[in-house]
Amino acid sequence: MWPREEVGQLVEREFLPVRVHVRDHPEAFQELGARYGAEWTPAILMLDPSGRERHRIEGFLPAEELVPRLEFGLGRIAFSRSAWADAEARFRHVVDTYPDAEIAPEALYWAGVSRYKATDDGADLARTAADLDARYPDSPSAVKASVWT
């Protein structure tokens, strides 16, 4: 079902996957689509343990973009639990392992936010802004972080 073995391994290791196919389970697809506002397929909704959505991936992505987005979603789930160190580590993993992925600048942004939440030190935000400006200067994340300098 997954485009590459590494995707399947990540999903099996980190998630409790539920697959609802529009043709195979039309009633369940309609009900879950309405509940979560899923308007396009494939839709991967990453929920925290309480069932609240923390990250969403809609539409097909090749494995080299899907894996970093799944990893990013794990960071968002950790962030939602106020697990700042875990969130930062997960976001930094995305940046360090997939620096060219489309989600990498946003992961760097959230790594800085996670660090700041843990330390309450504005210098952490300034360092993140400088890092974003150096590594991803044209990204929306660099623009958002520009107020931290």
Protein backbone atom coordinates (compact mmCIF):
# COMPACT_ATOMS: atom_id res chain seq x y z
CA MET A 1 0.00 0.00 0.00
CA TRP A 2 2.89 2.42 0.70
CA PRO A 3 5.13 3.72 -2.09
CA ARG A 4 8.35 2.49 -0.45
CA GLU A 5 9.29 0.14 2.32
CA GLU A 6 10.64 2.98 4.49
CA VAL A 7 7.18 4.60 4.49
CA GLY A 8 5.51 1.40 5.63
CA GLN A 9 8.11 0.86 8.34
CA LEU A 10 7.65 4.39 9.68
CA VAL A 11 3.86 4.05 9.68
CA GLU A 12 3.99 0.67 11.42
CA ARG A 13 6.51 1.91 14.01
CA GLU A 14 4.93 5.26 14.89
CA PHE A 15 1.24 5.19 13.99
CA LEU A 16 -1.96 3.26 14.35
CA PRO A 17 -3.03 3.39 10.69
CA VAL A 18 -6.67 3.26 9.66
CA ARG A 19 -7.45 2.98 5.97
CA VAL A 20 -10.89 3.80 4.68
CA HIS A 21 -11.22 3.49 0.92
CA VAL A 22 -13.95 5.46 -0.85
CA ARG A 23 -15.04 2.45 -2.93
CA ASP A 24 -14.57 -0.31 -0.36
CA HIS A 25 -16.22 1.47 2.60
CA PRO A 26 -18.34 4.32 1.20
CA GLU A 27 -20.41 4.87 4.37
CA ALA A 28 -17.37 5.01 6.65
CA PHE A 29 -15.59 7.21 4.12
CA GLN A 30 -18.52 9.65 4.09
CA GLU A 31 -18.82 9.70 7.89
CA LEU A 32 -15.10 10.17 8.57
CA GLY A 33 -14.74 12.63 5.70
CA ALA A 34 -17.52 14.75 7.18
CA ARG A 35 -16.19 14.46 10.75
CA TYR A 36 -12.67 15.52 9.83
CA GLY A 37 -13.39 17.75 6.85
CA ALA A 38 -11.38 15.57 4.49
CA GLU A 39 -12.15 16.95 1.06
CA TRP A 40 -9.54 15.21 -1.08
CA THR A 41 -7.83 11.86 -1.27
CA PRO A 42 -5.53 10.50 -0.31
CA ALA A 43 -5.83 12.23 3.04
CA ILE A 44 -3.58 11.36 5.94
CA LEU A 45 -4.83 12.81 9.20
CA MET A 46 -2.47 12.64 12.14
CA LEU A 47 -4.38 12.66 15.39
CA ASP A 48 -3.13 12.94 18.94
CA PRO A 49 -4.22 10.34 21.51
CA SER A 50 -7.37 12.35 22.25
CA GLY A 51 -8.42 12.20 18.58
CA ARG A 52 -7.64 15.84 17.82
CA GLU A 53 -6.06 16.46 14.44
CA ARG A 54 -2.49 17.78 14.65
CA HIS A 55 -1.27 17.48 11.07
CA ARG A 56 -2.82 16.74 7.68
CA ILE A 57 -1.40 15.60 4.36
CA GLU A 58 -3.77 15.74 1.40
CA GLY A 59 -3.02 14.48 -2.07
CA PHE A 60 -0.34 12.15 -3.31
CA LEU A 61 3.27 12.81 -2.37
CA PRO A 62 6.31 10.84 -3.46
CA ALA A 63 8.07 9.01 -0.63
CA GLU A 64 10.88 11.57 -0.44
CA GLU A 65 8.29 14.19 0.56
CA LEU A 66 5.84 11.93 2.41
CA VAL A 67 8.35 10.62 4.95
CA PRO A 68 9.49 14.07 6.14
CA ARG A 69 5.87 15.20 6.41
CA LEU A 70 4.98 12.17 8.50
CA GLU A 71 8.00 12.87 10.70
CA PHE A 72 6.93 16.52 10.94
CA GLY A 73 3.48 15.38 12.06
CA LEU A 74 5.07 13.44 14.91
CA GLY A 75 6.72 16.69 15.98
CA ARG A 76 3.35 18.44 15.94
CA ILE A 77 1.86 15.71 18.10
CA ALA A 78 4.75 16.00 20.59
CA PHE A 79 4.33 19.79 20.57
CA SER A 80 0.62 19.43 21.36
CA ARG A 81 1.56 17.41 24.46
CA SER A 82 3.99 20.16 25.57
CA ALA A 83 6.79 17.63 25.14
CA TRP A 84 9.14 20.40 24.02
CA ALA A 85 12.38 18.39 23.89
CA ASP A 86 10.74 15.56 21.93
CA ALA A 87 9.07 18.03 19.57
CA GLU A 88 12.32 19.89 18.97
CA ALA A 89 14.20 16.64 18.34
CA ARG A 90 11.57 15.45 15.87
CA PHE A 91 11.54 18.75 13.98
CA ARG A 92 15.35 18.88 13.90
CA HIS A 93 15.39 15.31 12.61
CA VAL A 94 13.34 16.47 9.63
CA VAL A 95 15.72 19.35 8.94
CA ASP A 96 18.87 17.28 9.44
CA THR A 97 17.71 14.19 7.55
CA TYR A 98 15.65 15.83 4.79
CA PRO A 99 17.11 19.34 4.39
CA ASP A 100 15.77 19.69 0.84
CA ALA A 101 12.23 18.58 1.63
CA GLU A 102 9.53 21.16 1.14
CA ILE A 103 8.55 20.90 4.83
CA ALA A 104 12.14 21.43 6.12
CA PRO A 105 11.88 25.23 6.62
CA GLU A 106 8.67 24.82 8.60
CA ALA A 107 10.28 22.07 10.66
CA LEU A 108 13.18 24.40 11.47
CA TYR A 109 10.71 27.12 12.48
CA TRP A 110 8.87 24.76 14.84
CA ALA A 111 12.13 23.40 16.24
CA GLY A 112 12.95 26.95 17.29
CA VAL A 113 9.49 27.49 18.74
CA SER A 114 9.79 24.21 20.67
CA ARG A 115 13.17 25.26 22.05
CA TYR A 116 11.78 28.64 23.08
CA LYS A 117 8.80 27.01 24.81
CA ALA A 118 11.27 24.88 26.81
CA THR A 119 13.65 27.71 27.74
CA ASP A 120 11.63 30.94 27.52
CA ASP A 121 14.81 32.44 26.06
CA GLY A 122 14.24 34.88 23.20
CA ALA A 123 17.78 34.26 21.99
CA ASP A 124 16.60 30.81 20.85
CA LEU A 125 14.09 32.49 18.54
CA ALA A 126 16.73 34.90 17.23
CA ARG A 127 19.07 31.99 16.45
CA THR A 128 16.24 30.20 14.66
CA ALA A 129 15.44 33.28 12.59
CA ALA A 130 19.10 33.63 11.61
CA ASP A 131 19.29 29.94 10.72
CA LEU A 132 16.14 30.19 8.60
CA ASP A 133 17.47 33.28 6.87
CA ALA A 134 20.74 31.49 6.10
CA ARG A 135 19.30 28.15 5.02
CA TYR A 136 15.84 28.95 3.63
CA PRO A 137 15.76 32.71 2.99
CA ASP A 138 12.84 32.65 0.54
CA SER A 139 10.58 30.45 2.66
CA PRO A 140 7.39 31.61 4.36
CA SER A 141 8.90 30.31 7.61
CA ALA A 142 11.83 32.72 7.29
CA VAL A 143 9.37 35.56 6.80
CA LYS A 144 7.39 34.55 9.89
CA ALA A 145 10.58 34.28 11.95
CA SER A 146 11.97 37.61 10.74
CA VAL A 147 10.24 39.41 13.63
CA TRP A 148 12.44 37.45 16.06
CA THR A 149 15.64 39.27 15.10
